[in-house]
Amino acid sequence: MSDPGLESPPYTEGEVLLSVRNLRTRFVTEGGDVPAVNGVSFAVRRGEVLSVVGESGSGKSVTAMSILGLLPPTARIEADQMLWRGESLLDAGEARIRQVRGAEIAMIFQDPLSALNPMHKVGRQIAEMILIHEPVSKKEAASRAVEMLNLVGIPQPAKRAGMYPHEFSGGMRQRAMIAMAIACSPDLLIADEPTTALDVTVQAQVLEMLLRLKDELNSALMLITHDLGVVAGISDRVMVMYAGRQVEVGTTDQVFYRTRHPYTRSLLRSLPRLDDRGTDALTPITGAPPSLLRLPSGCSFHPRCPLVKERCSKDVPDLNSGGLGHHPAACFYADEVSGDTASVVGGRS
């Protein structure tokens, strides 16, 4: 049987770059094993934007870092399949993983101030990325670093290349991180909460730039975020995660307009509405995400679910489509989750 998270819904046309099946990542701690990612399957094709959405602790970032081998030694990573352009990353040695990381798959981290080295100038850090992966001279690498800063829209790039990270504004540091990530023209960009600390104007500029760079590099973008509103207008597909599991996977229109999981619906309803005149209160999600050390029985979302039924606290729902014409959702009562959430989606009708 095919994996719904991997095979459905229909993908956009293009080469399959990354294919992950049944990824499981746990952390060994004194208090017990923490199942940070539990059975996640997905694929990313060239030219598309896949957004991974969920609250903090849902497993979004751990999923990405499991692929890139960026987790600490306490992490235990297993998967039935993890293919990068047809090559198994599970069987690749550390040298090959280092080659893939940065040159073929690049990651834009959430906090550029901590990701950038405060002791080195920005241009030097970008040039070092190029020197690691390509046989070029230091002079050529330095020139390319300036080109990258110019490409991401930093004014006076030659001057800025000689400055330190603390001399950049928050938006400029994020752009510098993106410049470093695209320096070797990777096929896949993974952006982990790239706009969290930015105001809405700069946020829009960064998202627009990521889309432009994806098209210019003929690559793919995997966007990790907690905000469904951010991904509404730029994503081809959306994967919603909760407590380490996928709970809904579909095209952007399917997830926003034909929502099939109560958690996704709750996320959408917690967004400000475009037609709100200031008189409507937001609808928060009650409770808090569970501790991964003490997951509730049955469906992990059932203690917070407004549609909870007796079965939800006993059995764990699989990610399944529920029939022809539906997209995958991990809910026993997915077909009962209805309601038009279109009004909360910015710029769509």
C-alpha atoms as a PDB file:
ATOM      1  CA  MET A   1       0.000   0.000   0.000  1.00  0.00           C
ATOM      2  CA  SER A   2       1.312   3.467  -0.856  1.00  0.00           C
ATOM      3  CA  ASP A   3       1.921   6.029   1.860  1.00  0.00           C
ATOM      4  CA  PRO A   4      -0.748   8.781   1.694  1.00  0.00           C
ATOM      5  CA  GLY A   5       1.708  11.372   2.975  1.00  0.00           C
ATOM      6  CA  LEU A   6       4.087  10.564   0.136  1.00  0.00           C
ATOM      7  CA  GLU A   7       1.798   9.743  -2.763  1.00  0.00           C
ATOM      8  CA  SER A   8      -1.182  12.054  -2.320  1.00  0.00           C
ATOM      9  CA  PRO A   9      -2.374  14.543  -3.392  1.00  0.00           C
ATOM     10  CA  PRO A  10      -1.146  14.933  -6.993  1.00  0.00           C
ATOM     11  CA  TYR A  11       2.175  16.694  -7.182  1.00  0.00           C
ATOM     12  CA  THR A  12       3.158  19.450  -9.545  1.00  0.00           C
ATOM     13  CA  GLU A  13       5.135  18.325 -12.552  1.00  0.00           C
ATOM     14  CA  GLY A  14       8.860  18.101 -12.011  1.00  0.00           C
ATOM     15  CA  GLU A  15      11.783  16.024 -10.858  1.00  0.00           C
ATOM     16  CA  VAL A  16      11.471  14.434  -7.422  1.00  0.00           C
ATOM     17  CA  LEU A  17      14.347  15.931  -5.424  1.00  0.00           C
ATOM     18  CA  LEU A  18      13.678  14.639  -1.920  1.00  0.00           C
ATOM     19  CA  SER A  19      11.610  11.609  -0.950  1.00  0.00           C
ATOM     20  CA  VAL A  20      11.166  10.658   2.707  1.00  0.00           C
ATOM     21  CA  ARG A  21       9.138   7.692   3.933  1.00  0.00           C
ATOM     22  CA  ASN A  22       8.259   6.931   7.558  1.00  0.00           C
ATOM     23  CA  LEU A  23      10.860   9.190   9.187  1.00  0.00           C
ATOM     24  CA  ARG A  24      11.221   8.593  12.924  1.00  0.00           C
ATOM     25  CA  THR A  25      13.484  10.731  15.098  1.00  0.00           C
ATOM     26  CA  ARG A  26      13.774  10.354  18.859  1.00  0.00           C
ATOM     27  CA  PHE A  27      16.029  11.937  21.450  1.00  0.00           C
ATOM     28  CA  VAL A  28      17.518   9.812  24.225  1.00  0.00           C
ATOM     29  CA  THR A  29      17.193  11.683  27.519  1.00  0.00           C
ATOM     30  CA  GLU A  30      17.424  10.826  31.210  1.00  0.00           C
ATOM     31  CA  GLY A  31      13.661  11.114  31.440  1.00  0.00           C
ATOM     32  CA  GLY A  32      13.120   8.685  28.568  1.00  0.00           C
ATOM     33  CA  ASP A  33      13.022   8.688  24.785  1.00  0.00           C
ATOM     34  CA  VAL A  34      11.381  11.720  23.200  1.00  0.00           C
ATOM     35  CA  PRO A  35       9.648  10.871  19.869  1.00  0.00           C
ATOM     36  CA  ALA A  36      10.122  14.224  18.156  1.00  0.00           C
ATOM     37  CA  VAL A  37       9.151  12.922  14.711  1.00  0.00           C
ATOM     38  CA  ASN A  38       6.950   9.853  14.362  1.00  0.00           C
ATOM     39  CA  GLY A  39       6.289   8.360  10.928  1.00  0.00           C
ATOM     40  CA  VAL A  40       6.485  11.387   8.626  1.00  0.00           C
ATOM     41  CA  SER A  41       6.442  10.861   4.839  1.00  0.00           C
ATOM     42  CA  PHE A  42       6.658  13.475   2.111  1.00  0.00           C
ATOM     43  CA  ALA A  43       8.316  14.375  -1.178  1.00  0.00           C
ATOM     44  CA  VAL A  44       9.535  17.638  -2.689  1.00  0.00           C
ATOM     45  CA  ARG A  45       9.690  18.250  -6.434  1.00  0.00           C
ATOM     46  CA  ARG A  46      11.760  20.770  -8.325  1.00  0.00           C
ATOM     47  CA  GLY A  47       9.977  24.076  -8.742  1.00  0.00           C
ATOM     48  CA  GLU A  48       7.453  23.672  -5.929  1.00  0.00           C
ATOM     49  CA  VAL A  49       6.972  25.192  -2.487  1.00  0.00           C
ATOM     50  CA  LEU A  50       6.121  22.762   0.321  1.00  0.00           C
ATOM     51  CA  SER A  51       5.160  24.462   3.580  1.00  0.00           C
ATOM     52  CA  VAL A  52       5.405  22.557   6.858  1.00  0.00           C
ATOM     53  CA  VAL A  53       3.110  24.111   9.452  1.00  0.00           C
ATOM     54  CA  GLY A  54       2.457  23.574  13.151  1.00  0.00           C
ATOM     55  CA  GLU A  55       2.931  24.986  16.632  1.00  0.00           C
ATOM     56  CA  SER A  56       6.295  24.939  18.392  1.00  0.00           C
ATOM     57  CA  GLY A  57       7.287  21.387  19.294  1.00  0.00           C
ATOM     58  CA  SER A  58       5.337  19.792  16.447  1.00  0.00           C
ATOM     59  CA  GLY A  59       8.495  18.371  14.859  1.00  0.00           C
ATOM     60  CA  LYS A  60       8.859  20.725  11.883  1.00  0.00           C
ATOM     61  CA  SER A  61      12.471  21.774  12.407  1.00  0.00           C
ATOM     62  CA  VAL A  62      13.560  18.349  13.647  1.00  0.00           C
ATOM     63  CA  THR A  63      12.253  16.856  10.410  1.00  0.00           C
ATOM     64  CA  ALA A  64      14.467  19.173   8.366  1.00  0.00           C
ATOM     65  CA  MET A  65      17.524  18.745  10.546  1.00  0.00           C
ATOM     66  CA  SER A  66      17.118  14.966  10.504  1.00  0.00           C
ATOM     67  CA  ILE A  67      17.513  15.067   6.731  1.00  0.00           C
ATOM     68  CA  LEU A  68      20.611  17.257   6.907  1.00  0.00           C
ATOM     69  CA  GLY A  69      22.275  15.427   9.796  1.00  0.00           C
ATOM     70  CA  LEU A  70      22.322  18.505  12.007  1.00  0.00           C
ATOM     71  CA  LEU A  71      20.992  16.940  15.216  1.00  0.00           C
ATOM     72  CA  PRO A  72      23.074  16.215  18.344  1.00  0.00           C
ATOM     73  CA  PRO A  73      24.452  12.743  19.160  1.00  0.00           C
ATOM     74  CA  THR A  74      21.477  12.049  21.428  1.00  0.00           C
ATOM     75  CA  ALA A  75      19.229  11.876  18.345  1.00  0.00           C
ATOM     76  CA  ARG A  76      18.312   8.518  16.843  1.00  0.00           C
ATOM     77  CA  ILE A  77      17.142   8.803  13.236  1.00  0.00           C
ATOM     78  CA  GLU A  78      15.394   5.995  11.377  1.00  0.00           C
ATOM     79  CA  ALA A  79      13.415   5.900   8.131  1.00  0.00           C
ATOM     80  CA  ASP A  80      12.157   3.386   5.625  1.00  0.00           C
ATOM     81  CA  GLN A  81      13.468   5.645   2.878  1.00  0.00           C
ATOM     82  CA  MET A  82      15.322   8.941   2.558  1.00  0.00           C
ATOM     83  CA  LEU A  83      16.286   9.614  -1.028  1.00  0.00           C
ATOM     84  CA  TRP A  84      17.983  12.713  -2.372  1.00  0.00           C
ATOM     85  CA  ARG A  85      17.689  12.755  -6.187  1.00  0.00           C
ATOM     86  CA  GLY A  86      17.469   8.971  -6.058  1.00  0.00           C
ATOM     87  CA  GLU A  87      20.471   8.540  -3.730  1.00  0.00           C
ATOM     88  CA  SER A  88      19.920   7.100  -0.252  1.00  0.00           C
ATOM     89  CA  LEU A  89      21.013   9.542   2.436  1.00  0.00           C
ATOM     90  CA  LEU A  90      20.636   6.763   4.998  1.00  0.00           C
ATOM     91  CA  ASP A  91      23.500   4.882   3.358  1.00  0.00           C
ATOM     92  CA  ALA A  92      25.656   7.929   2.631  1.00  0.00           C
ATOM     93  CA  GLY A  93      28.801   8.525   4.674  1.00  0.00           C
ATOM     94  CA  GLU A  94      29.521  11.671   6.649  1.00  0.00           C
ATOM     95  CA  ALA A  95      31.682  13.097   3.858  1.00  0.00           C
ATOM     96  CA  ARG A  96      28.845  12.784   1.358  1.00  0.00           C
ATOM     97  CA  ILE A  97      26.333  14.299   3.784  1.00  0.00           C
ATOM     98  CA  ARG A  98      28.626  17.302   4.248  1.00  0.00           C
ATOM     99  CA  GLN A  99      28.827  17.652   0.481  1.00  0.00           C
ATOM    100  CA  VAL A 100      25.042  17.602   0.137  1.00  0.00           C
ATOM    101  CA  ARG A 101      24.573  20.003   3.032  1.00  0.00           C
ATOM    102  CA  GLY A 102      25.124  23.511   1.750  1.00  0.00           C
ATOM    103  CA  ALA A 103      25.914  22.707  -1.872  1.00  0.00           C
ATOM    104  CA  GLU A 104      22.784  20.718  -2.806  1.00  0.00           C
ATOM    105  CA  ILE A 105      20.424  21.268   0.135  1.00  0.00           C
ATOM    106  CA  ALA A 106      20.806  24.549   1.998  1.00  0.00           C
ATOM    107  CA  MET A 107      19.080  25.648   5.183  1.00  0.00           C
ATOM    108  CA  ILE A 108      18.127  29.154   6.243  1.00  0.00           C
ATOM    109  CA  PHE A 109      17.993  29.173  10.025  1.00  0.00           C
ATOM    110  CA  GLN A 110      15.429  30.943  12.172  1.00  0.00           C
ATOM    111  CA  ASP A 111      17.838  33.232  14.037  1.00  0.00           C
ATOM    112  CA  PRO A 112      20.503  34.704  11.722  1.00  0.00           C
ATOM    113  CA  LEU A 113      22.222  36.542  14.572  1.00  0.00           C
ATOM    114  CA  SER A 114      23.133  33.267  16.257  1.00  0.00           C
ATOM    115  CA  ALA A 115      23.739  31.427  12.973  1.00  0.00           C
ATOM    116  CA  LEU A 116      26.233  34.008  11.715  1.00  0.00           C
ATOM    117  CA  ASN A 117      29.657  34.140  13.356  1.00  0.00           C
ATOM    118  CA  PRO A 118      29.937  37.515  15.159  1.00  0.00           C
ATOM    119  CA  MET A 119      33.755  37.420  14.882  1.00  0.00           C
ATOM    120  CA  HIS A 120      33.897  37.346  11.078  1.00  0.00           C
ATOM    121  CA  LYS A 121      32.735  39.764   8.430  1.00  0.00           C
ATOM    122  CA  VAL A 122      29.628  38.797   6.509  1.00  0.00           C
ATOM    123  CA  GLY A 123      31.364  38.634   3.140  1.00  0.00           C
ATOM    124  CA  ARG A 124      34.024  36.303   4.491  1.00  0.00           C
ATOM    125  CA  GLN A 125      31.407  33.908   5.866  1.00  0.00           C
ATOM    126  CA  ILE A 126      29.632  33.711   2.521  1.00  0.00           C
ATOM    127  CA  ALA A 127      32.957  33.254   0.709  1.00  0.00           C
ATOM    128  CA  GLU A 128      33.890  30.393   3.063  1.00  0.00           C
ATOM    129  CA  MET A 129      30.719  28.542   2.069  1.00  0.00           C
ATOM    130  CA  ILE A 130      31.750  28.829  -1.591  1.00  0.00           C
ATOM    131  CA  LEU A 131      35.352  27.760  -0.895  1.00  0.00           C
ATOM    132  CA  ILE A 132      34.186  24.651   0.983  1.00  0.00           C
ATOM    133  CA  HIS A 133      32.095  23.357  -1.895  1.00  0.00           C
ATOM    134  CA  GLU A 134      33.682  24.742  -5.067  1.00  0.00           C
ATOM    135  CA  PRO A 135      37.266  24.777  -6.479  1.00  0.00           C
ATOM    136  CA  VAL A 136      37.641  28.552  -6.754  1.00  0.00           C
ATOM    137  CA  SER A 137      40.230  31.073  -5.551  1.00  0.00           C
ATOM    138  CA  LYS A 138      39.708  33.243  -2.486  1.00  0.00           C
ATOM    139  CA  LYS A 139      39.471  36.301  -4.722  1.00  0.00           C
ATOM    140  CA  GLU A 140      36.745  34.722  -6.833  1.00  0.00           C
ATOM    141  CA  ALA A 141      34.878  33.552  -3.724  1.00  0.00           C
ATOM    142  CA  ALA A 142      34.995  37.067  -2.269  1.00  0.00           C
ATOM    143  CA  SER A 143      33.655  38.483  -5.541  1.00  0.00           C
ATOM    144  CA  ARG A 144      30.853  35.892  -5.575  1.00  0.00           C
ATOM    145  CA  ALA A 145      29.963  36.814  -1.988  1.00  0.00           C
ATOM    146  CA  VAL A 146      29.365  40.411  -3.075  1.00  0.00           C
ATOM    147  CA  GLU A 147      27.249  39.148  -5.978  1.00  0.00           C
ATOM    148  CA  MET A 148      25.134  37.090  -3.582  1.00  0.00           C
ATOM    149  CA  LEU A 149      24.536  40.079  -1.310  1.00  0.00           C
ATOM    150  CA  ASN A 150      23.479  42.094  -4.331  1.00  0.00           C
ATOM    151  CA  LEU A 151      21.187  39.273  -5.477  1.00  0.00           C
ATOM    152  CA  VAL A 152      19.266  39.274  -2.184  1.00  0.00           C
ATOM    153  CA  GLY A 153      18.768  43.026  -2.335  1.00  0.00           C
ATOM    154  CA  ILE A 154      21.297  44.362   0.162  1.00  0.00           C
ATOM    155  CA  PRO A 155      22.306  47.925  -0.832  1.00  0.00           C
ATOM    156  CA  GLN A 156      25.988  48.731  -1.325  1.00  0.00           C
ATOM    157  CA  PRO A 157      26.909  45.019  -1.271  1.00  0.00           C
ATOM    158  CA  ALA A 158      30.669  45.564  -1.571  1.00  0.00           C
ATOM    159  CA  LYS A 159      30.633  47.805   1.493  1.00  0.00           C
ATOM    160  CA  ARG A 160      28.276  45.549   3.440  1.00  0.00           C
ATOM    161  CA  ALA A 161      30.466  42.512   2.744  1.00  0.00           C
ATOM    162  CA  GLY A 162      33.154  44.136   4.901  1.00  0.00           C
ATOM    163  CA  MET A 163      30.836  44.614   7.880  1.00  0.00           C
ATOM    164  CA  TYR A 164      30.077  42.374  10.859  1.00  0.00           C
ATOM    165  CA  PRO A 165      26.673  40.796  11.556  1.00  0.00           C
ATOM    166  CA  HIS A 166      25.906  43.137  14.464  1.00  0.00           C
ATOM    167  CA  GLU A 167      26.160  46.067  12.051  1.00  0.00           C
ATOM    168  CA  PHE A 168      23.258  44.686  10.016  1.00  0.00           C
ATOM    169  CA  SER A 169      19.578  45.209  10.798  1.00  0.00           C
ATOM    170  CA  GLY A 170      17.410  42.159  11.445  1.00  0.00           C
ATOM    171  CA  GLY A 171      16.095  42.119   7.885  1.00  0.00           C
ATOM    172  CA  MET A 172      19.589  42.505   6.439  1.00  0.00           C
ATOM    173  CA  ARG A 173      20.934  39.660   8.590  1.00  0.00           C
ATOM    174  CA  GLN A 174      18.171  37.425   7.292  1.00  0.00           C
ATOM    175  CA  ARG A 175      19.051  38.409   3.730  1.00  0.00           C
ATOM    176  CA  ALA A 176      22.717  37.691   4.456  1.00  0.00           C
ATOM    177  CA  MET A 177      21.752  34.220   5.694  1.00  0.00           C
ATOM    178  CA  ILE A 178      19.809  33.660   2.485  1.00  0.00           C
ATOM    179  CA  ALA A 179      22.802  34.864   0.452  1.00  0.00           C
ATOM    180  CA  MET A 180      24.972  32.290   2.210  1.00  0.00           C
ATOM    181  CA  ALA A 181      22.399  29.565   1.606  1.00  0.00           C
ATOM    182  CA  ILE A 182      22.137  30.213  -2.144  1.00  0.00           C
ATOM    183  CA  ALA A 183      25.871  30.792  -2.689  1.00  0.00           C
ATOM    184  CA  CYS A 184      26.330  27.336  -4.230  1.00  0.00           C
ATOM    185  CA  SER A 185      22.999  27.311  -6.126  1.00  0.00           C
ATOM    186  CA  PRO A 186      21.368  24.470  -4.140  1.00  0.00           C
ATOM    187  CA  ASP A 187      18.517  22.443  -5.591  1.00  0.00           C
ATOM    188  CA  LEU A 188      16.523  22.641  -2.338  1.00  0.00           C
ATOM    189  CA  LEU A 189      16.230  25.550   0.068  1.00  0.00           C
ATOM    190  CA  ILE A 190      14.881  24.777   3.547  1.00  0.00           C
ATOM    191  CA  ALA A 191      13.762  27.958   5.291  1.00  0.00           C
ATOM    192  CA  ASP A 192      13.119  27.518   9.014  1.00  0.00           C
ATOM    193  CA  GLU A 193      10.836  30.311  10.261  1.00  0.00           C
ATOM    194  CA  PRO A 194      12.684  32.857   8.071  1.00  0.00           C
ATOM    195  CA  THR A 195      10.345  35.752   8.885  1.00  0.00           C
ATOM    196  CA  THR A 196       9.527  35.243  12.582  1.00  0.00           C
ATOM    197  CA  ALA A 197      11.432  38.258  13.959  1.00  0.00           C
ATOM    198  CA  LEU A 198      10.651  40.600  11.065  1.00  0.00           C
ATOM    199  CA  ASP A 199       7.934  43.218  10.708  1.00  0.00           C
ATOM    200  CA  VAL A 200       5.208  42.551   8.157  1.00  0.00           C
ATOM    201  CA  THR A 201       6.747  44.724   5.443  1.00  0.00           C
ATOM    202  CA  VAL A 202      10.154  43.062   5.601  1.00  0.00           C
ATOM    203  CA  GLN A 203       8.438  39.687   6.007  1.00  0.00           C
ATOM    204  CA  ALA A 204       6.655  40.135   2.695  1.00  0.00           C
ATOM    205  CA  GLN A 205       9.885  41.218   1.018  1.00  0.00           C
ATOM    206  CA  VAL A 206      11.779  38.151   2.288  1.00  0.00           C
ATOM    207  CA  LEU A 207       9.038  35.747   1.164  1.00  0.00           C
ATOM    208  CA  GLU A 208       8.880  37.372  -2.254  1.00  0.00           C
ATOM    209  CA  MET A 209      12.663  37.123  -2.532  1.00  0.00           C
ATOM    210  CA  LEU A 210      12.637  33.418  -1.631  1.00  0.00           C
ATOM    211  CA  LEU A 211      10.110  32.741  -4.390  1.00  0.00           C
ATOM    212  CA  ARG A 212      12.147  34.741  -6.898  1.00  0.00           C
ATOM    213  CA  LEU A 213      15.349  32.915  -5.984  1.00  0.00           C
ATOM    214  CA  LYS A 214      13.594  29.549  -6.243  1.00  0.00           C
ATOM    215  CA  ASP A 215      12.591  30.386  -9.795  1.00  0.00           C
ATOM    216  CA  GLU A 216      16.001  31.808 -10.733  1.00  0.00           C
ATOM    217  CA  LEU A 217      17.827  28.755  -9.372  1.00  0.00           C
ATOM    218  CA  ASN A 218      15.193  26.335 -10.731  1.00  0.00           C
ATOM    219  CA  SER A 219      15.118  24.806  -7.254  1.00  0.00           C
ATOM    220  CA  ALA A 220      12.494  23.915  -4.649  1.00  0.00           C
ATOM    221  CA  LEU A 221      11.564  25.563  -1.357  1.00  0.00           C
ATOM    222  CA  MET A 222      10.576  23.844   1.874  1.00  0.00           C
ATOM    223  CA  LEU A 223       9.175  26.503   4.186  1.00  0.00           C
ATOM    224  CA  ILE A 224       8.857  25.742   7.905  1.00  0.00           C
ATOM    225  CA  THR A 225       6.512  28.024   9.815  1.00  0.00           C
ATOM    226  CA  HIS A 226       3.908  28.164  12.581  1.00  0.00           C
ATOM    227  CA  ASP A 227       1.756  30.630  10.665  1.00  0.00           C
ATOM    228  CA  LEU A 228      -0.698  29.339   8.066  1.00  0.00           C
ATOM    229  CA  GLY A 229      -1.381  32.912   7.034  1.00  0.00           C
ATOM    230  CA  VAL A 230       2.207  33.291   5.839  1.00  0.00           C
ATOM    231  CA  VAL A 231       2.019  30.313   3.482  1.00  0.00           C
ATOM    232  CA  ALA A 232      -1.427  30.955   1.994  1.00  0.00           C
ATOM    233  CA  GLY A 233      -0.301  32.830  -1.080  1.00  0.00           C
ATOM    234  CA  ILE A 234       3.039  31.174  -1.837  1.00  0.00           C
ATOM    235  CA  SER A 235       2.710  27.419  -1.249  1.00  0.00           C
ATOM    236  CA  ASP A 236       1.892  24.656  -3.702  1.00  0.00           C
ATOM    237  CA  ARG A 237       1.347  22.103  -0.934  1.00  0.00           C
ATOM    238  CA  VAL A 238       1.004  22.204   2.846  1.00  0.00           C
ATOM    239  CA  MET A 239       1.896  19.586   5.451  1.00  0.00           C
ATOM    240  CA  VAL A 240       0.410  20.217   8.899  1.00  0.00           C
ATOM    241  CA  MET A 241       2.184  18.613  11.868  1.00  0.00           C
ATOM    242  CA  TYR A 242       1.131  18.091  15.476  1.00  0.00           C
ATOM    243  CA  ALA A 243       3.078  16.328  18.254  1.00  0.00           C
ATOM    244  CA  GLY A 244       5.569  14.809  15.822  1.00  0.00           C
ATOM    245  CA  ARG A 245       3.014  13.474  13.349  1.00  0.00           C
ATOM    246  CA  GLN A 246       1.460  14.581  10.087  1.00  0.00           C
ATOM    247  CA  VAL A 247      -2.197  15.385  10.589  1.00  0.00           C
ATOM    248  CA  GLU A 248      -3.077  16.782   7.162  1.00  0.00           C
ATOM    249  CA  VAL A 249      -1.356  16.945   3.770  1.00  0.00           C
ATOM    250  CA  GLY A 250      -2.743  18.582   0.668  1.00  0.00           C
ATOM    251  CA  THR A 251      -2.526  21.296  -1.909  1.00  0.00           C
ATOM    252  CA  THR A 252      -2.879  24.790  -0.519  1.00  0.00           C
ATOM    253  CA  ASP A 253      -6.461  25.050  -1.769  1.00  0.00           C
ATOM    254  CA  GLN A 254      -7.353  21.683  -0.233  1.00  0.00           C
ATOM    255  CA  VAL A 255      -5.928  22.533   3.196  1.00  0.00           C
ATOM    256  CA  PHE A 256      -7.415  26.032   3.305  1.00  0.00           C
ATOM    257  CA  TYR A 257     -10.764  25.476   1.624  1.00  0.00           C
ATOM    258  CA  ARG A 258     -11.541  21.801   2.257  1.00  0.00           C
ATOM    259  CA  THR A 259      -9.953  21.361   5.671  1.00  0.00           C
ATOM    260  CA  ARG A 260     -10.238  17.802   7.016  1.00  0.00           C
ATOM    261  CA  HIS A 261      -8.512  17.928  10.422  1.00  0.00           C
ATOM    262  CA  PRO A 262      -9.785  19.791  13.516  1.00  0.00           C
ATOM    263  CA  TYR A 263      -6.260  21.023  14.330  1.00  0.00           C
ATOM    264  CA  THR A 264      -5.849  22.644  10.914  1.00  0.00           C
ATOM    265  CA  ARG A 265      -9.273  24.224  11.239  1.00  0.00           C
ATOM    266  CA  SER A 266      -8.349  25.543  14.678  1.00  0.00           C
ATOM    267  CA  LEU A 267      -5.130  27.058  13.300  1.00  0.00           C
ATOM    268  CA  LEU A 268      -7.077  28.790  10.553  1.00  0.00           C
ATOM    269  CA  ARG A 269      -9.718  30.106  12.940  1.00  0.00           C
ATOM    270  CA  SER A 270      -7.054  31.575  15.206  1.00  0.00           C
ATOM    271  CA  LEU A 271      -5.877  33.865  12.381  1.00  0.00           C
ATOM    272  CA  PRO A 272      -7.157  37.457  12.149  1.00  0.00           C
ATOM    273  CA  ARG A 273      -9.912  37.766   9.536  1.00  0.00           C
ATOM    274  CA  LEU A 274      -9.568  40.162   6.615  1.00  0.00           C
ATOM    275  CA  ASP A 275     -13.183  41.295   7.058  1.00  0.00           C
ATOM    276  CA  ASP A 276     -12.842  41.891  10.803  1.00  0.00           C
ATOM    277  CA  ARG A 277     -13.819  45.439  11.766  1.00  0.00           C
ATOM    278  CA  GLY A 278     -12.216  45.106  15.180  1.00  0.00           C
ATOM    279  CA  THR A 279     -15.291  43.747  16.886  1.00  0.00           C
ATOM    280  CA  ASP A 280     -14.640  40.013  16.494  1.00  0.00           C
ATOM    281  CA  ALA A 281     -12.454  38.187  19.008  1.00  0.00           C
ATOM    282  CA  LEU A 282      -9.890  35.692  17.771  1.00  0.00           C
ATOM    283  CA  THR A 283     -10.654  32.028  18.409  1.00  0.00           C
ATOM    284  CA  PRO A 284      -7.673  30.588  20.282  1.00  0.00           C
ATOM    285  CA  ILE A 285      -6.836  26.893  20.393  1.00  0.00           C
ATOM    286  CA  THR A 286      -7.640  25.764  23.924  1.00  0.00           C
ATOM    287  CA  GLY A 287      -4.979  24.057  26.017  1.00  0.00           C
ATOM    288  CA  ALA A 288      -1.346  23.556  25.033  1.00  0.00           C
ATOM    289  CA  PRO A 289       0.619  21.081  22.892  1.00  0.00           C
ATOM    290  CA  PRO A 290       1.374  17.879  24.828  1.00  0.00           C
ATOM    291  CA  SER A 291       4.741  16.914  26.241  1.00  0.00           C
ATOM    292  CA  LEU A 292       6.394  14.454  23.858  1.00  0.00           C
ATOM    293  CA  LEU A 293       7.505  12.478  26.905  1.00  0.00           C
ATOM    294  CA  ARG A 294       3.891  12.007  27.983  1.00  0.00           C
ATOM    295  CA  LEU A 295       1.751  11.909  24.876  1.00  0.00           C
ATOM    296  CA  PRO A 296      -1.946  11.328  25.530  1.00  0.00           C
ATOM    297  CA  SER A 297      -3.471   8.044  24.477  1.00  0.00           C
ATOM    298  CA  GLY A 298      -5.229   7.839  21.153  1.00  0.00           C
ATOM    299  CA  CYS A 299      -5.132  10.930  18.965  1.00  0.00           C
ATOM    300  CA  SER A 300      -2.619  13.396  20.451  1.00  0.00           C
ATOM    301  CA  PHE A 301      -4.922  16.310  19.653  1.00  0.00           C
ATOM    302  CA  HIS A 302      -8.014  14.906  21.371  1.00  0.00           C
ATOM    303  CA  PRO A 303      -7.562  16.816  24.706  1.00  0.00           C
ATOM    304  CA  ARG A 304      -7.809  20.084  22.744  1.00  0.00           C
ATOM    305  CA  CYS A 305     -10.203  19.025  20.003  1.00  0.00           C
ATOM    306  CA  PRO A 306     -13.662  20.673  19.906  1.00  0.00           C
ATOM    307  CA  LEU A 307     -15.035  17.655  18.015  1.00  0.00           C
ATOM    308  CA  VAL A 308     -13.621  14.940  20.278  1.00  0.00           C
ATOM    309  CA  LYS A 309     -15.498  11.642  20.561  1.00  0.00           C
ATOM    310  CA  GLU A 310     -14.962   8.535  22.653  1.00  0.00           C
ATOM    311  CA  ARG A 311     -12.856   6.706  20.076  1.00  0.00           C
ATOM    312  CA  CYS A 312     -10.410   9.621  19.821  1.00  0.00           C
ATOM    313  CA  SER A 313      -8.959   8.960  23.275  1.00  0.00           C
ATOM    314  CA  LYS A 314      -8.408   5.258  22.597  1.00  0.00           C
ATOM    315  CA  ASP A 315      -7.128   4.750  19.054  1.00  0.00           C
ATOM    316  CA  VAL A 316      -4.430   6.498  17.007  1.00  0.00           C
ATOM    317  CA  PRO A 317      -5.763   7.563  13.584  1.00  0.00           C
ATOM    318  CA  ASP A 318      -3.628   6.859  10.530  1.00  0.00           C
ATOM    319  CA  LEU A 319      -3.006   9.405   7.816  1.00  0.00           C
ATOM    320  CA  ASN A 320      -5.483   8.342   5.135  1.00  0.00           C
ATOM    321  CA  SER A 321      -7.430   9.954   2.345  1.00  0.00           C
ATOM    322  CA  GLY A 322     -10.831   8.623   3.335  1.00  0.00           C
ATOM    323  CA  GLY A 323     -11.863   8.003  -0.253  1.00  0.00           C
ATOM    324  CA  LEU A 324     -11.730   9.343  -3.774  1.00  0.00           C
ATOM    325  CA  GLY A 325     -11.426  13.096  -4.070  1.00  0.00           C
ATOM    326  CA  HIS A 326     -10.145  13.634  -0.528  1.00  0.00           C
ATOM    327  CA  HIS A 327      -6.662  14.563   0.626  1.00  0.00           C
ATOM    328  CA  PRO A 328      -4.935  12.768   3.543  1.00  0.00           C
ATOM    329  CA  ALA A 329      -5.865  13.625   7.139  1.00  0.00           C
ATOM    330  CA  ALA A 330      -5.201  11.765  10.396  1.00  0.00           C
ATOM    331  CA  CYS A 331      -8.681  11.991  11.876  1.00  0.00           C
ATOM    332  CA  PHE A 332     -11.384   9.345  12.294  1.00  0.00           C
ATOM    333  CA  TYR A 333     -14.027  11.964  11.572  1.00  0.00           C
ATOM    334  CA  ALA A 334     -12.250  13.927   8.840  1.00  0.00           C
ATOM    335  CA  ASP A 335     -15.338  13.958   6.641  1.00  0.00           C
ATOM    336  CA  GLU A 336     -17.269  15.705   9.401  1.00  0.00           C
ATOM    337  CA  VAL A 337     -14.753  18.537   9.668  1.00  0.00           C
ATOM    338  CA  SER A 338     -16.315  21.180   7.484  1.00  0.00           C
ATOM    339  CA  GLY A 339     -16.872  24.896   7.293  1.00  0.00           C
ATOM    340  CA  ASP A 340     -15.596  27.526   4.898  1.00  0.00           C
ATOM    341  CA  THR A 341     -12.370  28.991   6.269  1.00  0.00           C
ATOM    342  CA  ALA A 342     -11.596  30.980   3.125  1.00  0.00           C
ATOM    343  CA  SER A 343     -12.282  34.343   4.736  1.00  0.00           C
ATOM    344  CA  VAL A 344      -9.231  34.074   6.957  1.00  0.00           C
ATOM    345  CA  VAL A 345      -6.873  33.609   4.008  1.00  0.00           C
ATOM    346  CA  GLY A 346      -5.149  36.799   2.986  1.00  0.00           C
ATOM    347  CA  GLY A 347      -5.678  37.894  -0.581  1.00  0.00           C
ATOM    348  CA  ARG A 348      -7.798  34.941  -1.645  1.00  0.00           C
ATOM    349  CA  SER A 349     -11.488  34.610  -2.463  1.00  0.00           C
END
